[in-house]
PDB file of N, CA and C in Angstrom:
ATOM      1  N   MET A   1       0.837  -1.175   0.000  1.00  0.00           N
ATOM      2  CA  MET A   1       0.000   0.000   0.000  1.00  0.00           C
ATOM      3  C   MET A   1       0.887   1.245   0.000  1.00  0.00           C
ATOM      4  N   ILE A   2       0.430   2.254  -0.693  1.00  0.00           N
ATOM      5  CA  ILE A   2       1.108   3.547  -0.735  1.00  0.00           C
ATOM      6  C   ILE A   2       0.262   4.516   0.074  1.00  0.00           C
ATOM      7  N   ALA A   3       0.845   5.111   1.097  1.00  0.00           N
ATOM      8  CA  ALA A   3       0.136   6.078   1.940  1.00  0.00           C
ATOM      9  C   ALA A   3       0.703   7.464   1.648  1.00  0.00           C
ATOM     10  N   LEU A   4      -0.215   8.405   1.430  1.00  0.00           N
ATOM     11  CA  LEU A   4       0.173   9.767   1.076  1.00  0.00           C
ATOM     12  C   LEU A   4      -0.536  10.779   1.952  1.00  0.00           C
ATOM     13  N   GLN A   5       0.123  11.889   2.186  1.00  0.00           N
ATOM     14  CA  GLN A   5      -0.482  13.058   2.811  1.00  0.00           C
ATOM     15  C   GLN A   5      -0.607  14.102   1.713  1.00  0.00           C
ATOM     16  N   VAL A   6      -1.831  14.576   1.476  1.00  0.00           N
ATOM     17  CA  VAL A   6      -2.065  15.566   0.420  1.00  0.00           C
ATOM     18  C   VAL A   6      -2.768  16.755   1.066  1.00  0.00           C
ATOM     19  N   ASP A   7      -1.980  17.647   1.660  1.00  0.00           N
ATOM     20  CA  ASP A   7      -2.540  18.754   2.433  1.00  0.00           C
ATOM     21  C   ASP A   7      -3.291  19.772   1.588  1.00  0.00           C
ATOM     22  N   ASP A   8      -3.001  19.847   0.291  1.00  0.00           N
ATOM     23  CA  ASP A   8      -3.715  20.813  -0.545  1.00  0.00           C
ATOM     24  C   ASP A   8      -4.992  20.226  -1.153  1.00  0.00           C
ATOM     25  N   MET A   9      -5.445  19.087  -0.670  1.00  0.00           N
ATOM     26  CA  MET A   9      -6.742  18.500  -1.046  1.00  0.00           C
ATOM     27  C   MET A   9      -7.776  19.059  -0.062  1.00  0.00           C
ATOM     28  N   SER A  10      -8.763  19.793  -0.572  1.00  0.00           N
ATOM     29  CA  SER A  10      -9.649  20.507   0.345  1.00  0.00           C
ATOM     30  C   SER A  10     -11.144  20.251   0.162  1.00  0.00           C
ATOM     31  N   CYS A  11     -11.544  19.524  -0.884  1.00  0.00           N
ATOM     32  CA  CYS A  11     -12.974  19.360  -1.127  1.00  0.00           C
ATOM     33  C   CYS A  11     -13.237  18.062  -1.897  1.00  0.00           C
ATOM     34  N   ASN A  12     -14.499  17.777  -2.102  1.00  0.00           N
ATOM     35  CA  ASN A  12     -14.856  16.558  -2.827  1.00  0.00           C
ATOM     36  C   ASN A  12     -14.414  16.597  -4.287  1.00  0.00           C
ATOM     37  N   HIS A  13     -14.326  17.772  -4.865  1.00  0.00           N
ATOM     38  CA  HIS A  13     -13.788  17.884  -6.223  1.00  0.00           C
ATOM     39  C   HIS A  13     -12.342  17.378  -6.246  1.00  0.00           C
ATOM     40  N   CYS A  14     -11.575  17.764  -5.232  1.00  0.00           N
ATOM     41  CA  CYS A  14     -10.185  17.302  -5.120  1.00  0.00           C
ATOM     42  C   CYS A  14     -10.125  15.781  -5.012  1.00  0.00           C
ATOM     43  N   VAL A  15     -11.001  15.212  -4.201  1.00  0.00           N
ATOM     44  CA  VAL A  15     -11.050  13.763  -4.039  1.00  0.00           C
ATOM     45  C   VAL A  15     -11.275  13.092  -5.392  1.00  0.00           C
ATOM     46  N   GLY A  16     -12.232  13.613  -6.156  1.00  0.00           N
ATOM     47  CA  GLY A  16     -12.517  13.063  -7.475  1.00  0.00           C
ATOM     48  C   GLY A  16     -11.354  13.214  -8.434  1.00  0.00           C
ATOM     49  N   ALA A  17     -10.688  14.365  -8.399  1.00  0.00           N
ATOM     50  CA  ALA A  17      -9.566  14.617  -9.298  1.00  0.00           C
ATOM     51  C   ALA A  17      -8.398  13.675  -8.990  1.00  0.00           C
ATOM     52  N   ILE A  18      -8.129  13.458  -7.719  1.00  0.00           N
ATOM     53  CA  ILE A  18      -7.041  12.555  -7.337  1.00  0.00           C
ATOM     54  C   ILE A  18      -7.393  11.123  -7.705  1.00  0.00           C
ATOM     55  N   THR A  19      -8.628  10.727  -7.457  1.00  0.00           N
ATOM     56  CA  THR A  19      -9.062   9.373  -7.801  1.00  0.00           C
ATOM     57  C   THR A  19      -8.934   9.149  -9.306  1.00  0.00           C
ATOM     58  N   ARG A  20      -9.389  10.109 -10.110  1.00  0.00           N
ATOM     59  CA  ARG A  20      -9.284   9.984 -11.570  1.00  0.00           C
ATOM     60  C   ARG A  20      -7.832   9.898 -12.017  1.00  0.00           C
ATOM     61  N   ALA A  21      -6.976  10.698 -11.410  1.00  0.00           N
ATOM     62  CA  ALA A  21      -5.556  10.691 -11.781  1.00  0.00           C
ATOM     63  C   ALA A  21      -4.939   9.323 -11.506  1.00  0.00           C
ATOM     64  N   VAL A  22      -5.251   8.749 -10.350  1.00  0.00           N
ATOM     65  CA  VAL A  22      -4.721   7.423 -10.014  1.00  0.00           C
ATOM     66  C   VAL A  22      -5.259   6.383 -10.984  1.00  0.00           C
ATOM     67  N   LYS A  23      -6.562   6.434 -11.258  1.00  0.00           N
ATOM     68  CA  LYS A  23      -7.190   5.436 -12.122  1.00  0.00           C
ATOM     69  C   LYS A  23      -6.696   5.515 -13.569  1.00  0.00           C
ATOM     70  N   GLU A  24      -6.236   6.693 -14.006  1.00  0.00           N
ATOM     71  CA  GLU A  24      -5.668   6.805 -15.347  1.00  0.00           C
ATOM     72  C   GLU A  24      -4.364   6.024 -15.462  1.00  0.00           C
ATOM     73  N   VAL A  25      -3.630   5.910 -14.366  1.00  0.00           N
ATOM     74  CA  VAL A  25      -2.375   5.149 -14.347  1.00  0.00           C
ATOM     75  C   VAL A  25      -2.651   3.674 -14.086  1.00  0.00           C
ATOM     76  N   ASP A  26      -3.565   3.393 -13.161  1.00  0.00           N
ATOM     77  CA  ASP A  26      -3.855   2.022 -12.732  1.00  0.00           C
ATOM     78  C   ASP A  26      -5.361   1.902 -12.497  1.00  0.00           C
ATOM     79  N   ALA A  27      -6.069   1.489 -13.518  1.00  0.00           N
ATOM     80  CA  ALA A  27      -7.532   1.440 -13.463  1.00  0.00           C
ATOM     81  C   ALA A  27      -8.062   0.517 -12.379  1.00  0.00           C
ATOM     82  N   ASP A  28      -7.272  -0.474 -11.980  1.00  0.00           N
ATOM     83  CA  ASP A  28      -7.729  -1.436 -10.981  1.00  0.00           C
ATOM     84  C   ASP A  28      -7.252  -1.118  -9.570  1.00  0.00           C
ATOM     85  N   ALA A  29      -6.581  -0.002  -9.380  1.00  0.00           N
ATOM     86  CA  ALA A  29      -6.079   0.360  -8.050  1.00  0.00           C
ATOM     87  C   ALA A  29      -7.238   0.597  -7.093  1.00  0.00           C
ATOM     88  N   ASP A  30      -7.025   0.230  -5.840  1.00  0.00           N
ATOM     89  CA  ASP A  30      -7.983   0.525  -4.775  1.00  0.00           C
ATOM     90  C   ASP A  30      -7.538   1.845  -4.148  1.00  0.00           C
ATOM     91  N   VAL A  31      -8.394   2.858  -4.214  1.00  0.00           N
ATOM     92  CA  VAL A  31      -8.057   4.189  -3.714  1.00  0.00           C
ATOM     93  C   VAL A  31      -8.992   4.518  -2.549  1.00  0.00           C
ATOM     94  N   ARG A  32      -8.388   4.827  -1.396  1.00  0.00           N
ATOM     95  CA  ARG A  32      -9.158   5.242  -0.223  1.00  0.00           C
ATOM     96  C   ARG A  32      -8.671   6.630   0.173  1.00  0.00           C
ATOM     97  N   ILE A  33      -9.629   7.557   0.304  1.00  0.00           N
ATOM     98  CA  ILE A  33      -9.269   8.941   0.610  1.00  0.00           C
ATOM     99  C   ILE A  33     -10.072   9.412   1.812  1.00  0.00           C
ATOM    100  N   ASP A  34      -9.351   9.989   2.789  1.00  0.00           N
ATOM    101  CA  ASP A  34      -9.987  10.598   3.954  1.00  0.00           C
ATOM    102  C   ASP A  34      -9.749  12.100   3.851  1.00  0.00           C
ATOM    103  N   LEU A  35     -10.773  12.813   3.447  1.00  0.00           N
ATOM    104  CA  LEU A  35     -10.649  14.256   3.224  1.00  0.00           C
ATOM    105  C   LEU A  35     -10.333  14.998   4.522  1.00  0.00           C
ATOM    106  N   ASP A  36     -10.896  14.557   5.637  1.00  0.00           N
ATOM    107  CA  ASP A  36     -10.678  15.246   6.908  1.00  0.00           C
ATOM    108  C   ASP A  36      -9.212  15.231   7.338  1.00  0.00           C
ATOM    109  N   THR A  37      -8.512  14.122   7.094  1.00  0.00           N
ATOM    110  CA  THR A  37      -7.105  14.016   7.500  1.00  0.00           C
ATOM    111  C   THR A  37      -6.150  14.248   6.338  1.00  0.00           C
ATOM    112  N   HIS A  38      -6.695  14.435   5.132  1.00  0.00           N
ATOM    113  CA  HIS A  38      -5.907  14.662   3.912  1.00  0.00           C
ATOM    114  C   HIS A  38      -5.034  13.450   3.577  1.00  0.00           C
ATOM    115  N   ARG A  39      -5.512  12.277   3.926  1.00  0.00           N
ATOM    116  CA  ARG A  39      -4.747  11.045   3.706  1.00  0.00           C
ATOM    117  C   ARG A  39      -5.310  10.289   2.501  1.00  0.00           C
ATOM    118  N   VAL A  40      -4.399   9.817   1.665  1.00  0.00           N
ATOM    119  CA  VAL A  40      -4.743   9.021   0.493  1.00  0.00           C
ATOM    120  C   VAL A  40      -3.996   7.697   0.618  1.00  0.00           C
ATOM    121  N   GLU A  41      -4.731   6.601   0.492  1.00  0.00           N
ATOM    122  CA  GLU A  41      -4.119   5.276   0.501  1.00  0.00           C
ATOM    123  C   GLU A  41      -4.440   4.597  -0.813  1.00  0.00           C
ATOM    124  N   ILE A  42      -3.416   4.072  -1.450  1.00  0.00           N
ATOM    125  CA  ILE A  42      -3.567   3.437  -2.754  1.00  0.00           C
ATOM    126  C   ILE A  42      -2.999   2.023  -2.666  1.00  0.00           C
ATOM    127  N   GLU A  43      -3.800   1.074  -3.087  1.00  0.00           N
ATOM    128  CA  GLU A  43      -3.340  -0.307  -3.231  1.00  0.00           C
ATOM    129  C   GLU A  43      -3.223  -0.542  -4.737  1.00  0.00           C
ATOM    130  N   PRO A  44      -2.006  -0.357  -5.277  1.00  0.00           N
ATOM    131  CA  PRO A  44      -1.846  -0.463  -6.734  1.00  0.00           C
ATOM    132  C   PRO A  44      -1.926  -1.904  -7.215  1.00  0.00           C
ATOM    133  N   ARG A  45      -2.361  -2.071  -8.437  1.00  0.00           N
ATOM    134  CA  ARG A  45      -2.374  -3.378  -9.088  1.00  0.00           C
ATOM    135  C   ARG A  45      -1.301  -3.435 -10.171  1.00  0.00           C
ATOM    136  N   ARG A  46      -1.132  -2.305 -10.892  1.00  0.00           N
ATOM    137  CA  ARG A  46      -0.171  -2.270 -11.997  1.00  0.00           C
ATOM    138  C   ARG A  46       0.756  -1.063 -11.932  1.00  0.00           C
ATOM    139  N   GLY A  47       0.299   0.049 -11.442  1.00  0.00           N
ATOM    140  CA  GLY A  47       1.095   1.275 -11.486  1.00  0.00           C
ATOM    141  C   GLY A  47       2.174   1.319 -10.417  1.00  0.00           C
ATOM    142  N   SER A  48       3.309   1.908 -10.760  1.00  0.00           N
ATOM    143  CA  SER A  48       4.387   2.080  -9.784  1.00  0.00           C
ATOM    144  C   SER A  48       4.072   3.274  -8.888  1.00  0.00           C
ATOM    145  N   ALA A  49       4.701   3.310  -7.728  1.00  0.00           N
ATOM    146  CA  ALA A  49       4.510   4.435  -6.813  1.00  0.00           C
ATOM    147  C   ALA A  49       4.914   5.745  -7.483  1.00  0.00           C
ATOM    148  N   GLU A  50       5.998   5.725  -8.234  1.00  0.00           N
ATOM    149  CA  GLU A  50       6.475   6.941  -8.899  1.00  0.00           C
ATOM    150  C   GLU A  50       5.459   7.445  -9.920  1.00  0.00           C
ATOM    151  N   ALA A  51       4.881   6.532 -10.689  1.00  0.00           N
ATOM    152  CA  ALA A  51       3.892   6.926 -11.695  1.00  0.00           C
ATOM    153  C   ALA A  51       2.627   7.468 -11.043  1.00  0.00           C
ATOM    154  N   LEU A  52       2.214   6.867  -9.931  1.00  0.00           N
ATOM    155  CA  LEU A  52       1.011   7.335  -9.234  1.00  0.00           C
ATOM    156  C   LEU A  52       1.233   8.711  -8.626  1.00  0.00           C
ATOM    157  N   LEU A  53       2.390   8.910  -8.002  1.00  0.00           N
ATOM    158  CA  LEU A  53       2.700  10.226  -7.435  1.00  0.00           C
ATOM    159  C   LEU A  53       2.777  11.283  -8.537  1.00  0.00           C
ATOM    160  N   ALA A  54       3.381  10.940  -9.655  1.00  0.00           N
ATOM    161  CA  ALA A  54       3.480  11.887 -10.773  1.00  0.00           C
ATOM    162  C   ALA A  54       2.100  12.260 -11.297  1.00  0.00           C
ATOM    163  N   ALA A  55       1.197  11.300 -11.372  1.00  0.00           N
ATOM    164  CA  ALA A  55      -0.160  11.573 -11.854  1.00  0.00           C
ATOM    165  C   ALA A  55      -0.886  12.530 -10.917  1.00  0.00           C
ATOM    166  N   ILE A  56      -0.708  12.334  -9.624  1.00  0.00           N
ATOM    167  CA  ILE A  56      -1.357  13.224  -8.644  1.00  0.00           C
ATOM    168  C   ILE A  56      -0.751  14.619  -8.737  1.00  0.00           C
ATOM    169  N   ARG A  57       0.558  14.708  -8.900  1.00  0.00           N
ATOM    170  CA  ARG A  57       1.204  16.014  -9.078  1.00  0.00           C
ATOM    171  C   ARG A  57       0.704  16.702 -10.353  1.00  0.00           C
ATOM    172  N   ASP A  58       0.593  15.924 -11.436  1.00  0.00           N
ATOM    173  CA  ASP A  58       0.113  16.485 -12.702  1.00  0.00           C
ATOM    174  C   ASP A  58      -1.324  16.993 -12.591  1.00  0.00           C
ATOM    175  N   ALA A  59      -2.092  16.419 -11.648  1.00  0.00           N
ATOM    176  CA  ALA A  59      -3.469  16.875 -11.429  1.00  0.00           C
ATOM    177  C   ALA A  59      -3.502  18.154 -10.585  1.00  0.00           C
ATOM    178  N   GLY A  60      -2.331  18.607 -10.112  1.00  0.00           N
ATOM    179  CA  GLY A  60      -2.257  19.880  -9.398  1.00  0.00           C
ATOM    180  C   GLY A  60      -2.115  19.776  -7.894  1.00  0.00           C
ATOM    181  N   TYR A  61      -1.749  18.612  -7.387  1.00  0.00           N
ATOM    182  CA  TYR A  61      -1.662  18.410  -5.936  1.00  0.00           C
ATOM    183  C   TYR A  61      -0.236  18.086  -5.532  1.00  0.00           C
ATOM    184  N   THR A  62       0.029  18.161  -4.236  1.00  0.00           N
ATOM    185  CA  THR A  62       1.365  17.941  -3.700  1.00  0.00           C
ATOM    186  C   THR A  62       1.339  16.750  -2.749  1.00  0.00           C
ATOM    187  N   PRO A  63       1.470  15.537  -3.275  1.00  0.00           N
ATOM    188  CA  PRO A  63       1.451  14.365  -2.402  1.00  0.00           C
ATOM    189  C   PRO A  63       2.807  14.130  -1.718  1.00  0.00           C
ATOM    190  N   LEU A  64       2.744  13.797  -0.450  1.00  0.00           N
ATOM    191  CA  LEU A  64       3.943  13.430   0.300  1.00  0.00           C
ATOM    192  C   LEU A  64       3.770  12.000   0.771  1.00  0.00           C
ATOM    193  N   GLN A  65       4.689  11.133   0.401  1.00  0.00           N
ATOM    194  CA  GLN A  65       4.585   9.744   0.803  1.00  0.00           C
ATOM    195  C   GLN A  65       4.936   9.630   2.277  1.00  0.00           C
ATOM    196  N   ILE A  66       4.114   8.885   3.016  1.00  0.00           N
ATOM    197  CA  ILE A  66       4.331   8.680   4.440  1.00  0.00           C
ATOM    198  C   ILE A  66       4.502   7.178   4.709  1.00  0.00           C
ATOM    199  N   ALA A  67       5.100   6.881   5.840  1.00  0.00           N
ATOM    200  CA  ALA A  67       5.351   5.471   6.187  1.00  0.00           C
ATOM    201  C   ALA A  67       4.092   4.753   6.585  1.00  0.00           C
TER     202      ALA A  67
END
């Protein structure tokens, strides 16, 4: 699992944009997002962590990988 902190995610539109960005890289990824804590958890099926982080950055967000 890839755990991320995305502090500049502030609304449900952001949640949708991040989910779409991840799914464009890995359509079968399991994406769990907690808007209140700004935490994104991704269980990738095909996409690498680097590709997923790049997709989220390209969507306009600043993901920080956490342990």
